[in-house]
């Protein structure tokens, strides 16, 4: 197997999974907030903003389920069949989304977005594939490219939607169908088939996917007090970030009177700033990480509050500048969490806890936003800013507690090796703060790995 072809196939899957998640962001707000009432945006006579909130919520629900299910399925049946099935399945999901829009069928569109989210959970399988098939510096380079592909998808998705929607609201989805079908063909050529004997032995030896998911679910880590604190801080921060990312396009339509192209260009500027900052953040890793994270959370809160309280010009600048502090948090917290907890609990489990927390935050804020926007879209943004500021306050108190604990007793030597730190630094996040799908842990739990 050629490592280059393998890496290209995995990166294309990662790119298109995040493209599919971000694709509707510039397309949906004008349909619900800027169009005349029709069967799609006034389904069952419900308010368009409520329907918009539900449409935004449904994809993260599918992503949450898919992330939990697809990894164990790949352990049982191999990476190749799962990646092929999810690539073709994702293409089918986008096709159904296009059909739902064309027919103005809101239920069909919701079902399609849920199914697409399930298929987009294949990012963890792509990461596991590279970890299993490559080694040493070659694996590290491939993982870095994969991380960049996940992040780039949040830039490419809104750009694709905004740049092609003038040819028809379904056009971006059909382009995604063609891209995923091409990627599935590339995966089929790049990945070797699992020998029948090996595949049969894997299925017989491994427990069911439900047993694996139940025994190694990331939320099991909440039994530990420090990890409960990490969960609460990350949940508050991610709730603020997802409130911003899911509803600033609606603010752009209502306050700045932007269309899909304007939303896409604004998102592109934000993502470009975040990409540049992420590169620089990786080069300047010194200093107190929790202090940097506190200031980053306060910066995000200020930007989100600027959108909630500002006019068109102030809000637009705040949206773009948001990418700066969010990129710093995204570089600092996963790396610090891996150093602090990865050795004892497994890197994959800790990263999985952060990823699961983001999915939960996305669902909760989308549900809350669908109700608050009935009153005023700025309310959900103000709530998001408050939650993010609360995360900064909670993290600052935790930092003080860590300092007091370390001064009371000598800190043990760091058991993590250079490889652990390198792997931790390579974990990316979406512009919404979302971590990329979980890399299989290099320190597995002793009992129940299949």
Protein backbone atom coordinates (compact mmCIF):
# COMPACT_ATOMS: atom_id res chain seq x y z
CA UNK A 1 0.00 0.00 0.00
CA UNK A 2 1.36 3.45 -0.92
CA UNK A 3 1.43 5.77 2.10
CA UNK A 4 0.80 8.84 -0.06
CA UNK A 5 -2.39 7.41 -1.57
CA UNK A 6 -3.51 6.24 1.86
CA UNK A 7 -2.96 9.70 3.34
CA UNK A 8 -4.73 11.45 0.47
CA UNK A 9 -7.74 9.17 0.81
CA UNK A 10 -7.97 9.71 4.58
CA UNK A 11 -7.54 13.49 4.24
CA UNK A 12 -10.24 13.74 1.57
CA UNK A 13 -12.65 11.86 3.82
CA UNK A 14 -11.78 14.15 6.74
CA UNK A 15 -12.15 17.26 4.60
CA UNK A 16 -15.51 16.25 3.17
CA UNK A 17 -16.92 15.16 6.53
CA UNK A 18 -16.43 18.67 7.93
CA UNK A 19 -17.44 20.27 4.63
CA UNK A 20 -20.74 18.38 4.87
CA UNK A 21 -21.31 19.60 8.42
CA UNK A 22 -20.51 23.24 7.57
CA UNK A 23 -22.11 23.33 4.10
CA UNK A 24 -25.62 24.48 5.13
CA UNK A 25 -24.51 27.35 7.39
CA UNK A 26 -24.66 30.07 4.71
CA UNK A 27 -27.61 28.40 2.92
CA UNK A 28 -30.20 27.86 5.65
CA UNK A 29 -30.50 31.28 7.36
CA UNK A 30 -31.81 33.08 4.23
CA UNK A 31 -34.29 30.23 3.66
CA UNK A 32 -35.75 30.61 7.14
CA UNK A 33 -35.26 34.30 7.88
CA UNK A 34 -35.17 36.01 4.50
CA UNK A 35 -37.76 34.19 2.37
CA UNK A 36 -41.52 34.21 2.04
CA UNK A 37 -43.34 31.55 4.03
CA UNK A 38 -43.64 28.17 2.29
CA UNK A 39 -44.03 24.48 3.11
CA UNK A 40 -40.35 24.23 4.02
CA UNK A 41 -39.84 27.17 6.39
CA UNK A 42 -43.37 27.14 7.83
CA UNK A 43 -43.82 23.39 8.35
CA UNK A 44 -46.93 22.62 10.42
CA UNK A 45 -47.35 26.35 10.88
CA UNK A 46 -44.33 26.51 13.22
CA UNK A 47 -42.20 29.69 13.40
CA UNK A 48 -39.34 29.69 10.86
CA UNK A 49 -36.72 30.41 13.55
CA UNK A 50 -37.82 27.38 15.54
CA UNK A 51 -37.56 25.21 12.42
CA UNK A 52 -34.12 26.67 11.74
CA UNK A 53 -32.96 25.74 15.24
CA UNK A 54 -34.18 22.18 14.79
CA UNK A 55 -32.44 21.91 11.41
CA UNK A 56 -29.18 23.09 12.99
CA UNK A 57 -29.54 20.64 15.90
CA UNK A 58 -30.21 17.48 13.94
CA UNK A 59 -26.80 17.10 12.27
CA UNK A 60 -24.78 17.20 15.54
CA UNK A 61 -27.09 14.53 16.96
CA UNK A 62 -26.23 12.27 14.05
CA UNK A 63 -22.54 13.11 14.42
CA UNK A 64 -22.62 12.22 18.11
CA UNK A 65 -24.19 8.83 17.41
CA UNK A 66 -21.94 8.13 14.43
CA UNK A 67 -18.78 8.95 16.36
CA UNK A 68 -19.78 6.45 19.05
CA UNK A 69 -20.78 3.65 16.67
CA UNK A 70 -18.45 3.75 13.66
CA UNK A 71 -15.19 3.28 15.57
CA UNK A 72 -16.26 -0.01 17.17
CA UNK A 73 -17.70 -1.17 13.85
CA UNK A 74 -14.32 -0.54 12.20
CA UNK A 75 -12.66 -2.61 14.93
CA UNK A 76 -14.98 -5.50 14.11
CA UNK A 77 -15.19 -5.33 10.32
CA UNK A 78 -12.08 -3.41 9.26
CA UNK A 79 -11.41 0.17 8.19
CA UNK A 80 -11.99 -0.32 4.47
CA UNK A 81 -15.62 -1.49 4.48
CA UNK A 82 -16.66 1.08 7.10
CA UNK A 83 -14.99 3.97 5.27
CA UNK A 84 -16.47 2.90 1.94
CA UNK A 85 -19.94 2.51 3.42
CA UNK A 86 -19.81 5.91 5.15
CA UNK A 87 -18.42 7.69 2.08
CA UNK A 88 -21.20 6.38 -0.16
CA UNK A 89 -23.68 6.87 2.69
CA UNK A 90 -22.61 10.50 3.08
CA UNK A 91 -23.11 11.03 -0.65
CA UNK A 92 -26.60 9.55 -0.34
CA UNK A 93 -27.32 11.84 2.63
CA UNK A 94 -26.38 14.95 0.65
CA UNK A 95 -28.49 13.76 -2.27
CA UNK A 96 -31.49 13.35 0.02
CA UNK A 97 -30.84 16.83 1.45
CA UNK A 98 -30.98 18.25 -2.08
CA UNK A 99 -34.19 16.37 -2.83
CA UNK A 100 -35.75 17.59 0.42
CA UNK A 101 -34.92 21.19 -0.48
CA UNK A 102 -36.20 20.80 -4.04
CA UNK A 103 -39.48 19.31 -2.82
CA UNK A 104 -39.71 21.78 0.09
CA UNK A 105 -40.04 18.77 2.38
CA UNK A 106 -38.83 19.74 5.82
CA UNK A 107 -39.15 16.21 7.32
CA UNK A 108 -37.12 14.70 4.46
CA UNK A 109 -34.45 17.37 4.89
CA UNK A 110 -34.23 16.65 8.62
CA UNK A 111 -33.94 12.90 8.03
CA UNK A 112 -31.24 13.51 5.43
CA UNK A 113 -29.23 15.76 7.74
CA UNK A 114 -29.47 13.22 10.58
CA UNK A 115 -28.28 10.42 8.30
CA UNK A 116 -25.47 12.59 6.92
CA UNK A 117 -24.33 13.31 10.47
CA UNK A 118 -24.19 9.60 11.20
CA UNK A 119 -21.93 9.10 8.19
CA UNK A 120 -19.74 12.10 9.09
CA UNK A 121 -18.71 10.29 12.26
CA UNK A 122 -16.17 8.40 10.09
CA UNK A 123 -13.41 10.87 10.96
CA UNK A 124 -12.32 8.74 13.91
CA UNK A 125 -12.02 5.75 11.58
CA UNK A 126 -9.78 7.75 9.23
CA UNK A 127 -7.51 8.66 12.14
CA UNK A 128 -7.38 5.04 13.29
CA UNK A 129 -6.52 3.95 9.76
CA UNK A 130 -3.42 6.16 9.57
CA UNK A 131 -2.37 5.19 13.10
CA UNK A 132 -2.58 1.50 12.26
CA UNK A 133 -1.03 1.54 8.78
CA UNK A 134 1.82 4.06 9.21
CA UNK A 135 4.60 4.45 11.75
CA UNK A 136 7.20 6.89 13.01
CA UNK A 137 7.68 10.25 11.32
CA UNK A 138 5.58 9.11 8.37
CA UNK A 139 2.58 8.58 10.63
CA UNK A 140 3.14 11.94 12.37
CA UNK A 141 3.25 13.80 9.05
CA UNK A 142 0.11 12.01 7.87
CA UNK A 143 -1.69 12.81 11.11
CA UNK A 144 -0.73 16.47 10.78
CA UNK A 145 -2.14 16.58 7.26
CA UNK A 146 -5.31 14.86 8.47
CA UNK A 147 -5.71 17.44 11.22
CA UNK A 148 -5.34 20.23 8.68
CA UNK A 149 -7.97 18.59 6.48
CA UNK A 150 -10.50 18.53 9.32
CA UNK A 151 -9.89 22.19 10.00
CA UNK A 152 -9.93 23.20 6.33
CA UNK A 153 -13.39 21.68 5.94
CA UNK A 154 -14.87 24.42 8.14
CA UNK A 155 -13.50 26.96 5.69
CA UNK A 156 -14.35 25.08 2.49
CA UNK A 157 -17.91 24.16 3.51
CA UNK A 158 -19.33 27.69 3.84
CA UNK A 159 -17.31 28.84 0.83
CA UNK A 160 -18.73 26.04 -1.31
CA UNK A 161 -22.25 26.80 -0.14
CA UNK A 162 -21.98 30.55 -0.68
CA UNK A 163 -20.14 30.34 -4.01
CA UNK A 164 -22.52 27.89 -5.70
CA UNK A 165 -25.93 28.61 -4.18
CA UNK A 166 -26.70 31.21 -6.87
CA UNK A 167 -26.97 28.31 -9.33
CA UNK A 168 -29.71 26.84 -7.17
CA UNK A 169 -30.12 26.03 -3.50
CA UNK A 170 -29.51 22.33 -4.15
CA UNK A 171 -26.31 22.81 -6.18
CA UNK A 172 -23.83 22.73 -3.24
CA UNK A 173 -25.29 19.43 -2.06
CA UNK A 174 -24.96 17.81 -5.50
CA UNK A 175 -21.33 18.94 -5.66
CA UNK A 176 -20.77 17.28 -2.29
CA UNK A 177 -22.38 14.09 -3.65
CA UNK A 178 -19.93 13.97 -6.56
CA UNK A 179 -16.93 14.71 -4.32
CA UNK A 180 -17.81 11.97 -1.83
CA UNK A 181 -18.43 9.42 -4.58
CA UNK A 182 -15.00 10.22 -6.04
CA UNK A 183 -13.42 9.90 -2.60
CA UNK A 184 -15.07 6.52 -2.06
CA UNK A 185 -13.51 5.28 -5.30
CA UNK A 186 -10.11 6.56 -4.16
CA UNK A 187 -10.52 4.81 -0.80
CA UNK A 188 -11.40 1.57 -2.58
CA UNK A 189 -8.19 1.79 -4.62
CA UNK A 190 -5.91 2.96 -1.79
CA UNK A 191 -6.98 0.54 0.94
CA UNK A 192 -6.27 -3.18 0.61
CA UNK A 193 -8.97 -5.70 1.28
CA UNK A 194 -8.78 -7.48 4.63
CA UNK A 195 -8.01 -11.18 4.12
CA UNK A 196 -11.17 -13.23 4.77
CA UNK A 197 -9.50 -15.26 7.52
CA UNK A 198 -8.32 -12.13 9.33
CA UNK A 199 -11.70 -10.46 9.01
CA UNK A 200 -13.48 -13.54 10.34
CA UNK A 201 -11.07 -13.80 13.28
CA UNK A 202 -11.62 -10.13 14.12
CA UNK A 203 -15.39 -10.53 14.16
CA UNK A 204 -15.22 -13.63 16.36
CA UNK A 205 -12.67 -12.23 18.82
CA UNK A 206 -14.12 -8.76 19.29
CA UNK A 207 -17.12 -8.06 21.52
CA UNK A 208 -20.15 -6.40 20.01
CA UNK A 209 -19.90 -2.73 19.15
CA UNK A 210 -22.41 -1.97 21.89
CA UNK A 211 -20.22 -3.65 24.52
CA UNK A 212 -17.15 -1.70 23.37
CA UNK A 213 -19.03 1.60 23.34
CA UNK A 214 -20.58 0.96 26.75
CA UNK A 215 -17.35 -0.11 28.47
CA UNK A 216 -15.12 2.60 27.01
CA UNK A 217 -17.53 5.49 26.71
CA UNK A 218 -15.70 8.76 27.29
CA UNK A 219 -18.22 9.87 29.91
CA UNK A 220 -16.97 7.08 32.18
CA UNK A 221 -14.09 9.44 32.94
CA UNK A 222 -16.49 11.67 34.87
CA UNK A 223 -15.99 9.38 37.84
CA UNK A 224 -12.76 11.33 38.44
CA UNK A 225 -13.08 14.76 40.08
CA UNK A 226 -10.48 16.56 37.94
CA UNK A 227 -12.01 15.24 34.74
CA UNK A 228 -15.44 16.34 35.90
CA UNK A 229 -13.97 19.82 36.24
CA UNK A 230 -12.51 19.58 32.74
CA UNK A 231 -15.92 18.48 31.46
CA UNK A 232 -17.73 21.40 33.09
CA UNK A 233 -15.21 23.97 31.85
CA UNK A 234 -15.23 22.56 28.33
CA UNK A 235 -19.03 22.29 28.30
CA UNK A 236 -19.42 25.95 29.29
CA UNK A 237 -16.84 27.08 26.74
CA UNK A 238 -18.17 24.89 23.95
CA UNK A 239 -21.74 26.01 24.66
CA UNK A 240 -20.69 29.61 24.10
CA UNK A 241 -18.78 28.74 20.96
CA UNK A 242 -21.56 26.66 19.43
CA UNK A 243 -24.15 29.30 20.30
CA UNK A 244 -22.02 31.75 18.33
CA UNK A 245 -21.22 29.49 15.39
CA UNK A 246 -24.74 28.17 14.92
CA UNK A 247 -26.53 31.52 15.17
CA UNK A 248 -24.22 34.25 13.92
CA UNK A 249 -25.34 33.48 10.32
CA UNK A 250 -28.91 34.22 11.40
CA UNK A 251 -27.69 37.48 12.98
CA UNK A 252 -25.99 38.38 9.70
CA UNK A 253 -29.28 37.96 7.85
CA UNK A 254 -31.40 39.87 10.37
CA UNK A 255 -29.04 42.69 11.39
CA UNK A 256 -26.52 43.04 8.55
CA UNK A 257 -28.96 41.89 5.83
CA UNK A 258 -26.42 39.49 4.30
CA UNK A 259 -27.25 36.81 1.78
CA UNK A 260 -25.61 33.38 1.50
CA UNK A 261 -22.58 34.78 -0.34
CA UNK A 262 -22.00 37.42 2.34
CA UNK A 263 -22.25 34.79 5.10
CA UNK A 264 -19.75 32.59 3.26
CA UNK A 265 -17.23 35.42 2.79
CA UNK A 266 -17.51 36.42 6.45
CA UNK A 267 -16.95 32.84 7.55
CA UNK A 268 -14.00 32.53 5.17
CA UNK A 269 -12.34 35.61 6.69
CA UNK A 270 -12.88 34.25 10.20
CA UNK A 271 -11.47 30.83 9.27
CA UNK A 272 -8.48 32.34 7.47
CA UNK A 273 -7.55 34.31 10.60
CA UNK A 274 -8.06 31.21 12.73
CA UNK A 275 -5.88 29.10 10.44
CA UNK A 276 -3.01 31.58 10.60
CA UNK A 277 -3.32 31.91 14.36
CA UNK A 278 -3.37 28.13 14.78
CA UNK A 279 -0.07 27.83 12.91
CA UNK A 280 1.51 30.50 15.10
CA UNK A 281 0.03 29.05 18.29
CA UNK A 282 1.79 25.78 17.61
CA UNK A 283 5.15 27.57 17.45
CA UNK A 284 4.72 29.45 20.71
CA UNK A 285 3.86 26.71 23.16
CA UNK A 286 5.61 28.14 26.20
CA UNK A 287 4.11 29.89 29.20
CA UNK A 288 1.34 28.93 31.57
CA UNK A 289 -1.24 27.05 29.45
CA UNK A 290 -4.18 27.60 31.79
CA UNK A 291 -3.48 31.33 31.98
CA UNK A 292 -3.45 31.50 28.18
CA UNK A 293 -6.67 29.51 28.04
CA UNK A 294 -8.38 31.85 30.52
CA UNK A 295 -7.52 34.93 28.46
CA UNK A 296 -8.60 33.13 25.28
CA UNK A 297 -12.00 32.28 26.76
CA UNK A 298 -12.46 35.90 27.84
CA UNK A 299 -11.51 37.00 24.31
CA UNK A 300 -14.10 34.69 22.80
CA UNK A 301 -16.73 35.94 25.26
CA UNK A 302 -15.93 39.56 24.30
CA UNK A 303 -16.27 38.79 20.58
CA UNK A 304 -19.57 36.94 20.98
CA UNK A 305 -20.91 39.72 23.20
CA UNK A 306 -19.79 42.23 20.56
CA UNK A 307 -22.01 40.47 18.04
CA UNK A 308 -24.93 40.35 20.46
CA UNK A 309 -24.75 44.01 21.44
CA UNK A 310 -23.12 45.66 18.42
CA UNK A 311 -24.39 46.99 15.15
CA UNK A 312 -23.56 45.62 11.69
CA UNK A 313 -19.99 46.95 11.53
CA UNK A 314 -19.02 46.11 15.13
CA UNK A 315 -20.65 42.70 14.93
CA UNK A 316 -18.94 41.87 11.64
CA UNK A 317 -15.52 42.74 13.06
CA UNK A 318 -16.26 40.69 16.19
CA UNK A 319 -17.21 37.67 14.07
CA UNK A 320 -13.92 37.80 12.18
CA UNK A 321 -11.76 38.49 15.25
CA UNK A 322 -13.42 35.61 17.11
CA UNK A 323 -11.12 33.25 15.21
CA UNK A 324 -8.06 34.60 17.05
CA UNK A 325 -8.81 33.67 20.70
CA UNK A 326 -10.67 30.50 19.71
CA UNK A 327 -7.61 29.23 17.85
CA UNK A 328 -5.47 29.75 20.96
CA UNK A 329 -7.91 27.85 23.19
CA UNK A 330 -8.09 25.08 20.60
CA UNK A 331 -4.32 24.70 20.61
CA UNK A 332 -3.83 24.93 24.39
CA UNK A 333 -6.61 22.91 26.04
CA UNK A 334 -6.27 19.60 24.12
CA UNK A 335 -2.49 19.66 24.56
CA UNK A 336 -2.68 20.48 28.28
CA UNK A 337 -5.41 17.88 28.83
CA UNK A 338 -3.33 15.20 27.13
CA UNK A 339 -0.29 16.07 29.27
CA UNK A 340 -2.32 16.27 32.46
CA UNK A 341 -4.60 13.23 32.07
CA UNK A 342 -3.52 11.23 29.01
CA UNK A 343 -1.00 8.97 30.69
CA UNK A 344 -3.34 7.87 33.46
CA UNK A 345 -6.57 7.56 31.48
CA UNK A 346 -5.46 7.12 27.85
CA UNK A 347 -5.04 9.85 25.26
CA UNK A 348 -7.94 8.61 23.18
CA UNK A 349 -10.34 8.56 26.11
CA UNK A 350 -9.41 12.10 27.18
CA UNK A 351 -9.70 13.48 23.64
CA UNK A 352 -12.96 11.57 23.32
CA UNK A 353 -14.32 13.30 26.43
CA UNK A 354 -13.58 16.71 24.89
CA UNK A 355 -15.13 15.69 21.58
CA UNK A 356 -18.24 14.28 23.24
CA UNK A 357 -18.58 17.42 25.34
CA UNK A 358 -18.56 19.57 22.22
CA UNK A 359 -21.29 17.45 20.60
CA UNK A 360 -23.44 17.73 23.72
CA UNK A 361 -22.89 21.49 23.84
CA UNK A 362 -23.83 21.81 20.18
CA UNK A 363 -27.10 19.97 20.71
CA UNK A 364 -28.00 21.88 23.89
CA UNK A 365 -27.28 25.34 22.47
CA UNK A 366 -29.09 24.61 19.22
CA UNK A 367 -32.16 23.55 21.19
CA UNK A 368 -31.97 26.60 23.47
CA UNK A 369 -31.33 28.88 20.53
CA UNK A 370 -34.35 27.61 18.62
CA UNK A 371 -36.48 28.96 21.49
CA UNK A 372 -34.58 32.15 22.33
CA UNK A 373 -34.48 33.30 18.72
CA UNK A 374 -38.27 33.41 18.78
CA UNK A 375 -37.77 36.44 21.03
CA UNK A 376 -34.49 37.83 19.68
CA UNK A 377 -31.50 36.16 18.04
CA UNK A 378 -29.16 38.27 20.17
CA UNK A 379 -30.35 36.49 23.32
CA UNK A 380 -28.69 33.19 22.42
CA UNK A 381 -25.49 35.06 21.54
CA UNK A 382 -25.56 36.90 24.88
CA UNK A 383 -26.10 33.58 26.67
CA UNK A 384 -23.16 32.10 24.79
CA UNK A 385 -20.91 35.00 25.82
CA UNK A 386 -21.98 34.54 29.46
CA UNK A 387 -21.22 30.81 29.40
CA UNK A 388 -17.80 31.33 27.84
CA UNK A 389 -16.92 33.98 30.41
CA UNK A 390 -18.06 31.52 33.09
CA UNK A 391 -15.67 28.93 31.66
CA UNK A 392 -12.82 31.44 32.03
CA UNK A 393 -13.73 32.14 35.67
CA UNK A 394 -14.04 28.44 36.49
CA UNK A 395 -10.73 27.68 34.75
CA UNK A 396 -8.98 30.48 36.65
CA UNK A 397 -10.18 29.03 39.96
CA UNK A 398 -9.02 25.58 38.86
CA UNK A 399 -5.61 27.00 37.93
CA UNK A 400 -5.24 28.51 41.40
CA UNK A 401 -6.16 25.18 42.95
CA UNK A 402 -3.55 23.41 40.79
CA UNK A 403 -0.88 25.92 41.86
CA UNK A 404 -1.75 25.51 45.55
CA UNK A 405 -1.69 21.72 45.24
CA UNK A 406 1.67 21.68 43.46
CA UNK A 407 3.21 24.09 46.00
CA UNK A 408 1.99 21.95 48.90
CA UNK A 409 3.66 18.81 47.57
CA UNK A 410 6.44 18.28 45.01
CA UNK A 411 5.06 17.57 41.55
CA UNK A 412 5.93 14.13 40.20
CA UNK A 413 8.08 13.86 37.12
CA UNK A 414 6.13 14.00 33.89
CA UNK A 415 5.74 10.38 32.73
CA UNK A 416 4.77 11.38 29.21
CA UNK A 417 7.36 10.85 26.54
CA UNK A 418 8.05 13.08 23.54
CA UNK A 419 5.67 11.02 21.42
CA UNK A 420 2.81 11.74 23.82
CA UNK A 421 3.41 15.47 23.63
CA UNK A 422 3.74 15.38 19.87
CA UNK A 423 0.47 13.48 19.48
CA UNK A 424 -1.32 15.85 21.85
CA UNK A 425 -0.15 18.92 19.96
CA UNK A 426 -1.47 17.50 16.71
CA UNK A 427 -5.14 17.49 17.79
CA UNK A 428 -7.15 20.06 15.70
CA UNK A 429 -10.45 21.87 16.37
CA UNK A 430 -13.20 23.40 14.13
CA UNK A 431 -13.85 26.99 14.02
CA UNK A 432 -16.76 26.23 16.34
CA UNK A 433 -14.36 24.87 18.83
CA UNK A 434 -15.20 21.41 17.81
CA UNK A 435 -12.10 18.83 18.36
CA UNK A 436 -11.48 16.53 15.47
CA UNK A 437 -12.65 12.90 15.83
CA UNK A 438 -10.74 10.78 18.31
CA UNK A 439 -7.38 9.14 17.63
CA UNK A 440 -7.11 5.65 19.10
CA UNK A 441 -5.20 5.86 22.34
CA UNK A 442 -1.55 4.85 22.46
CA UNK A 443 -2.19 3.93 26.10
CA UNK A 444 -5.19 1.61 26.01
CA UNK A 445 -7.27 0.82 29.02
CA UNK A 446 -6.10 -2.46 30.47
CA UNK A 447 -9.37 -4.36 30.42
CA UNK A 448 -11.71 -4.03 27.52
CA UNK A 449 -9.99 -3.05 24.28
CA UNK A 450 -11.18 -5.39 21.49
